Amino acid sequence: MTAAAKRQRLSARLAQPGLLTAPGIFDMISARLADRMGFDLLYMTGYGTVASYLGLPDAGLATYTDMVNRASAFAQGSNTPIIADGDTGYGGLLNVAHTVRGYEAGGVAGIQLEDQEFPKKCGHTPGRRVIPLEDMVKKIRVASEARSSADFLIIARTDARTTLGLDEAMRRAEAYSKAGADILFVESPESEEELAHIASTLDKPVLVNNVEGGRTPILPKSRLEQLGFKLAIYPATGFLAMGHALEQAYTALQQDDTDNALKGQLYEFQDFNKLVGFEKVWDFDKKWNEG
């Protein structure tokens, strides 16, 4: 499926009733697995991608090149629309325009931009500070003008809730909406009451970030839809599950009875061959190596 077709598909889905659920993808294995499962969209998590690709915390250490390369690989390796974390846009206004064009050319369906100061930090960790509202409004305007297609979505995230309070976060989200954002994202609300206020007040589709162990209570998807959210992302679920599974498997390798310890815990090898595309290799070899 072409990038344009994936964007149109996501835009059409957003116009329909119901909550869209997006699992976090962080490497090509997670992307391929999620792509097979019928989700409406996938979410390229900055935290997970930086950790997987560089082995570093999500603290402004990854560059534009690091992230656009990963976003492009995910988009080209899947048929599901992807929204990708673009951090702060990797600099000033000119950088924001360059970042938007690069992500769009890479094939993702939308980019998330946030109003943190550089270097940014994960939205569920301490020490975040935000830039002036007017500066972020300019970034959203630049991002909106830089894209070549209106189907390429601009997701505006504010991190103001934690340090400046919910009222300021709402004021910022409303300003970003007027500046041209397609989807609004108030990071780290701290109660169901705050979630309800966010979803019922804002005039654009609203995204909720569900991080296991984070600052925001994780509600059932039926409740999130009832409150009025349009998108629910689960950026950490995949890499937290992966970390737990790997730790268990590697611990089993230290034991004497490895086969029993791992029984039922591993992806079948032949199924994994199919997941990563070996069937196409075998078909190619059969076509061109037969005598």
Protein backbone atom coordinates (compact mmCIF):
# COMPACT_ATOMS: atom_id res chain seq x y z
CA MET A 1 0.00 0.00 0.00
CA THR A 2 1.34 3.44 -0.92
CA ALA A 3 2.00 6.13 1.67
CA ALA A 4 -0.76 8.26 0.17
CA ALA A 5 -3.24 5.39 0.40
CA LYS A 6 -2.32 4.75 4.04
CA ARG A 7 -2.81 8.42 4.90
CA GLN A 8 -6.17 8.52 3.17
CA ARG A 9 -7.20 5.35 4.97
CA LEU A 10 -6.31 6.88 8.34
CA SER A 11 -8.09 10.15 7.54
CA ALA A 12 -11.21 8.22 6.58
CA ARG A 13 -11.04 6.14 9.74
CA LEU A 14 -10.71 9.26 11.90
CA ALA A 15 -13.92 10.56 10.38
CA GLN A 16 -15.81 7.45 11.51
CA PRO A 17 -17.16 6.78 15.02
CA GLY A 18 -15.11 4.86 17.53
CA LEU A 19 -11.78 4.90 19.33
CA LEU A 20 -8.63 4.06 17.39
CA THR A 21 -6.06 1.96 19.30
CA ALA A 22 -2.38 2.21 18.38
CA PRO A 23 0.29 -0.07 19.85
CA GLY A 24 3.79 1.29 20.21
CA ILE A 25 6.37 -0.01 17.74
CA PHE A 26 10.07 0.42 18.37
CA ASP A 27 11.93 -1.89 15.97
CA MET A 28 11.17 -3.80 12.80
CA ILE A 29 10.11 -6.96 14.64
CA SER A 30 7.51 -5.08 16.67
CA ALA A 31 6.42 -3.23 13.51
CA ARG A 32 5.95 -6.45 11.53
CA LEU A 33 4.06 -8.14 14.34
CA ALA A 34 1.72 -5.21 14.90
CA ASP A 35 1.20 -4.74 11.16
CA ARG A 36 -0.26 -8.24 10.89
CA MET A 37 -2.84 -7.73 13.62
CA GLY A 38 -5.36 -5.40 12.01
CA PHE A 39 -4.86 -2.21 14.03
CA ASP A 40 -6.13 1.01 12.49
CA LEU A 41 -2.74 2.65 13.06
CA LEU A 42 0.61 2.14 14.75
CA TYR A 43 2.58 4.56 16.91
CA MET A 44 6.35 4.93 16.62
CA THR A 45 7.36 5.51 20.21
CA GLY A 46 10.30 7.83 20.75
CA TYR A 47 11.21 6.22 24.08
CA GLY A 48 11.20 2.69 22.67
CA THR A 49 12.87 3.58 19.40
CA VAL A 50 15.72 5.45 21.05
CA ALA A 51 16.19 2.67 23.58
CA SER A 52 16.10 -0.06 20.92
CA TYR A 53 18.20 1.71 18.29
CA LEU A 54 20.75 3.53 20.48
CA GLY A 55 20.41 1.96 23.91
CA LEU A 56 19.91 5.44 25.38
CA PRO A 57 17.16 7.21 27.33
CA ASP A 58 14.60 9.38 25.56
CA ALA A 59 16.26 12.61 26.68
CA GLY A 60 16.98 14.53 23.49
CA LEU A 61 19.99 12.38 22.57
CA ALA A 62 18.64 11.00 19.29
CA THR A 63 19.08 13.18 16.20
CA TYR A 64 16.69 13.95 13.39
CA THR A 65 18.65 11.53 11.20
CA ASP A 66 18.36 8.74 13.76
CA MET A 67 14.62 9.16 14.02
CA VAL A 68 13.65 9.83 10.41
CA ASN A 69 15.60 6.76 9.32
CA ARG A 70 13.72 4.58 11.79
CA ALA A 71 10.36 6.14 10.91
CA SER A 72 11.00 5.53 7.20
CA ALA A 73 11.97 1.90 7.80
CA PHE A 74 8.83 1.27 9.84
CA ALA A 75 6.60 2.91 7.24
CA GLN A 76 8.15 1.06 4.31
CA GLY A 77 7.95 -2.25 6.16
CA SER A 78 4.26 -2.13 7.03
CA ASN A 79 0.87 -1.58 5.42
CA THR A 80 -0.69 0.05 8.50
CA PRO A 81 -0.64 3.86 8.84
CA ILE A 82 1.96 5.05 11.34
CA ILE A 83 2.06 8.16 13.51
CA ALA A 84 5.68 8.90 14.40
CA ASP A 85 7.20 10.81 17.31
CA GLY A 86 9.03 13.89 15.98
CA ASP A 87 10.07 15.23 19.40
CA THR A 88 10.47 19.03 19.28
CA GLY A 89 11.15 19.13 15.55
CA TYR A 90 14.91 18.95 16.22
CA GLY A 91 15.58 22.68 16.39
CA GLY A 92 14.06 25.97 15.30
CA LEU A 93 11.37 26.73 12.77
CA LEU A 94 13.52 25.83 9.76
CA ASN A 95 14.31 22.49 11.41
CA VAL A 96 10.62 21.86 12.01
CA ALA A 97 9.83 22.37 8.33
CA HIS A 98 12.70 20.07 7.35
CA THR A 99 11.57 17.44 9.85
CA VAL A 100 7.97 17.46 8.63
CA ARG A 101 9.05 17.11 5.00
CA GLY A 102 11.44 14.30 5.90
CA TYR A 103 8.87 12.31 7.86
CA GLU A 104 6.27 12.80 5.14
CA ALA A 105 8.74 11.69 2.45
CA GLY A 106 9.59 8.68 4.62
CA GLY A 107 6.02 7.44 4.34
CA VAL A 108 4.50 7.90 7.79
CA ALA A 109 0.93 9.15 8.10
CA GLY A 110 1.53 11.82 10.70
CA ILE A 111 4.07 13.43 13.00
CA GLN A 112 3.83 14.27 16.69
CA LEU A 113 5.48 17.54 17.76
CA GLU A 114 5.78 18.67 21.37
CA ASP A 115 6.29 21.98 23.14
CA GLN A 116 9.17 20.96 25.40
CA GLU A 117 12.43 22.84 25.65
CA PHE A 118 15.41 21.10 24.07
CA PRO A 119 16.71 18.66 25.18
CA LYS A 120 13.33 17.04 25.57
CA LYS A 121 12.50 14.18 27.96
CA CYS A 122 9.96 11.37 28.07
CA GLY A 123 6.58 12.79 29.07
CA HIS A 124 6.21 10.55 32.11
CA THR A 125 9.58 11.42 33.65
CA PRO A 126 10.50 14.49 35.75
CA GLY A 127 12.43 17.58 34.68
CA ARG A 128 10.41 18.66 31.63
CA ARG A 129 10.09 22.34 30.75
CA VAL A 130 8.07 23.90 27.95
CA ILE A 131 8.83 26.70 25.51
CA PRO A 132 6.65 29.83 25.34
CA LEU A 133 3.21 29.19 23.88
CA GLU A 134 3.81 31.65 21.03
CA ASP A 135 6.92 29.76 19.93
CA MET A 136 5.06 26.47 19.71
CA VAL A 137 2.20 28.10 17.82
CA LYS A 138 4.74 29.14 15.19
CA LYS A 139 6.08 25.59 15.05
CA ILE A 140 2.60 24.21 14.39
CA ARG A 141 1.95 26.81 11.70
CA VAL A 142 5.26 26.01 10.03
CA ALA A 143 4.57 22.28 10.25
CA SER A 144 1.13 22.71 8.72
CA GLU A 145 2.49 24.73 5.82
CA ALA A 146 5.50 22.45 5.25
CA ARG A 147 3.51 19.30 4.52
CA SER A 148 2.59 18.62 0.93
CA SER A 149 -0.66 16.81 1.70
CA ALA A 150 -3.42 17.68 4.14
CA ASP A 151 -3.75 13.94 4.81
CA PHE A 152 -0.35 14.06 6.55
CA LEU A 153 -1.47 14.68 10.12
CA ILE A 154 0.06 17.12 12.60
CA ILE A 155 -0.28 15.95 16.21
CA ALA A 156 0.41 18.77 18.70
CA ARG A 157 1.48 17.68 22.16
CA THR A 158 1.78 19.89 25.22
CA ASP A 159 3.80 18.89 28.27
CA ALA A 160 2.60 21.85 30.32
CA ARG A 161 0.32 19.87 32.67
CA THR A 162 3.06 18.61 34.98
CA THR A 163 4.81 21.92 35.71
CA LEU A 164 2.26 24.62 34.82
CA GLY A 165 -1.06 22.93 35.55
CA LEU A 166 -4.03 21.67 33.56
CA ASP A 167 -5.48 25.10 32.77
CA GLU A 168 -2.27 26.16 31.02
CA ALA A 169 -2.08 22.85 29.19
CA MET A 170 -5.64 23.35 27.93
CA ARG A 171 -4.89 26.92 26.87
CA ARG A 172 -1.95 25.65 24.86
CA ALA A 173 -3.88 22.80 23.26
CA GLU A 174 -6.59 25.22 22.12
CA ALA A 175 -3.96 27.57 20.67
CA TYR A 176 -2.29 24.69 18.81
CA SER A 177 -5.67 23.69 17.41
CA LYS A 178 -6.16 27.20 16.00
CA ALA A 179 -2.61 27.12 14.58
CA GLY A 180 -3.46 24.12 12.40
CA ALA A 181 -2.93 20.94 14.43
CA ASP A 182 -5.14 18.04 13.34
CA ILE A 183 -4.93 16.03 16.58
CA LEU A 184 -4.41 17.35 20.12
CA PHE A 185 -2.38 15.60 22.79
CA VAL A 186 -2.28 16.80 26.41
CA GLU A 187 0.48 14.78 28.02
CA SER A 188 0.36 13.34 31.54
CA PRO A 189 -3.08 14.15 32.97
CA GLU A 190 -3.24 12.74 36.48
CA SER A 191 -6.84 11.65 37.09
CA GLU A 192 -9.94 10.39 35.35
CA GLU A 193 -11.52 13.78 36.00
CA GLU A 194 -8.71 15.50 34.11
CA LEU A 195 -9.03 13.03 31.26
CA ALA A 196 -12.76 13.73 31.05
CA HIS A 197 -12.18 17.48 31.00
CA ILE A 198 -9.58 17.23 28.23
CA ALA A 199 -11.65 14.99 25.97
CA SER A 200 -14.88 16.94 26.38
CA THR A 201 -13.41 20.44 25.97
CA LEU A 202 -11.11 20.36 22.96
CA ASP A 203 -12.51 20.86 19.46
CA LYS A 204 -10.29 18.46 17.50
CA PRO A 205 -9.69 14.72 17.77
CA VAL A 206 -7.94 14.12 21.08
CA LEU A 207 -5.23 11.53 21.78
CA VAL A 208 -4.65 9.84 25.14
CA ASN A 209 -1.26 8.37 26.07
CA ASN A 210 -1.42 5.15 28.09
CA VAL A 211 1.92 4.33 29.72
CA GLU A 212 2.01 1.42 32.15
CA GLY A 213 3.55 2.77 35.35
CA GLY A 214 3.27 6.37 34.13
CA ARG A 215 1.51 9.44 35.53
CA THR A 216 -1.87 8.91 33.83
CA PRO A 217 -4.43 6.33 35.03
CA ILE A 218 -5.06 3.71 32.37
CA LEU A 219 -8.78 3.35 31.79
CA PRO A 220 -10.63 0.68 29.79
CA LYS A 221 -10.88 1.55 26.11
CA SER A 222 -14.67 1.61 26.39
CA ARG A 223 -14.39 4.33 29.04
CA LEU A 224 -11.91 6.35 26.98
CA GLU A 225 -14.31 6.25 24.04
CA GLN A 226 -17.19 7.23 26.31
CA LEU A 227 -15.19 10.23 27.54
CA GLY A 228 -14.65 11.38 23.96
CA PHE A 229 -11.10 10.39 23.06
CA LYS A 230 -10.46 9.50 19.43
CA LEU A 231 -7.03 7.86 19.65
CA ALA A 232 -5.43 5.79 22.39
CA ILE A 233 -1.73 5.04 22.10
CA TYR A 234 0.11 2.41 24.14
CA PRO A 235 3.76 3.29 23.43
CA ALA A 236 5.41 1.28 26.20
CA THR A 237 3.39 -1.94 26.18
CA GLY A 238 5.50 -3.65 23.52
CA PHE A 239 8.97 -2.86 24.80
CA LEU A 240 8.00 -3.52 28.43
CA ALA A 241 6.64 -6.92 27.40
CA MET A 242 9.77 -7.56 25.35
CA GLY A 243 12.08 -6.63 28.22
CA HIS A 244 10.21 -8.93 30.60
CA ALA A 245 10.20 -11.83 28.13
CA LEU A 246 13.88 -11.46 27.29
CA GLU A 247 14.87 -11.31 30.93
CA GLN A 248 12.96 -14.53 31.58
CA ALA A 249 14.45 -16.26 28.54
CA TYR A 250 18.02 -15.21 29.24
CA THR A 251 17.63 -16.24 32.87
CA ALA A 252 16.50 -19.66 31.67
CA LEU A 253 19.71 -19.97 29.67
CA GLN A 254 21.61 -19.80 32.95
CA GLN A 255 19.69 -22.78 34.32
CA ASP A 256 20.42 -26.47 33.75
CA ASP A 257 17.01 -27.46 32.43
CA THR A 258 16.78 -24.85 29.65
CA ASP A 259 14.40 -26.72 27.36
CA ASN A 260 11.71 -27.15 30.03
CA ALA A 261 12.16 -23.61 31.31
CA LEU A 262 11.50 -22.14 27.87
CA LYS A 263 8.76 -24.52 26.78
CA GLY A 264 5.75 -22.55 25.55
CA GLN A 265 7.58 -19.25 26.00
CA LEU A 266 9.14 -18.85 22.54
CA TYR A 267 7.81 -17.80 19.15
CA GLU A 268 7.90 -20.80 16.82
CA PHE A 269 11.03 -20.64 14.65
CA GLN A 270 9.23 -21.42 11.39
CA ASP A 271 6.57 -18.82 12.15
CA PHE A 272 9.29 -16.27 12.84
CA ASN A 273 10.87 -17.09 9.48
CA LYS A 274 7.57 -16.16 7.87
CA LEU A 275 7.25 -13.00 9.99
CA VAL A 276 10.54 -11.59 8.76
CA GLY A 277 9.91 -12.55 5.13
CA PHE A 278 11.91 -15.71 4.47
CA GLU A 279 9.09 -17.14 2.35
CA LYS A 280 9.84 -14.52 -0.32
CA VAL A 281 13.51 -15.50 -0.21
CA TRP A 282 12.63 -19.16 -0.68
CA ASP A 283 10.29 -18.34 -3.58
CA PHE A 284 13.01 -16.21 -5.19
CA ASP A 285 15.58 -18.97 -4.82
CA LYS A 286 13.19 -21.55 -6.26
CA LYS A 287 12.45 -19.35 -9.29
CA TRP A 288 16.02 -18.40 -10.14
CA ASN A 289 18.07 -21.37 -8.98
CA GLU A 290 16.14 -24.15 -10.67
CA GLY A 291 18.15 -25.60 -13.46
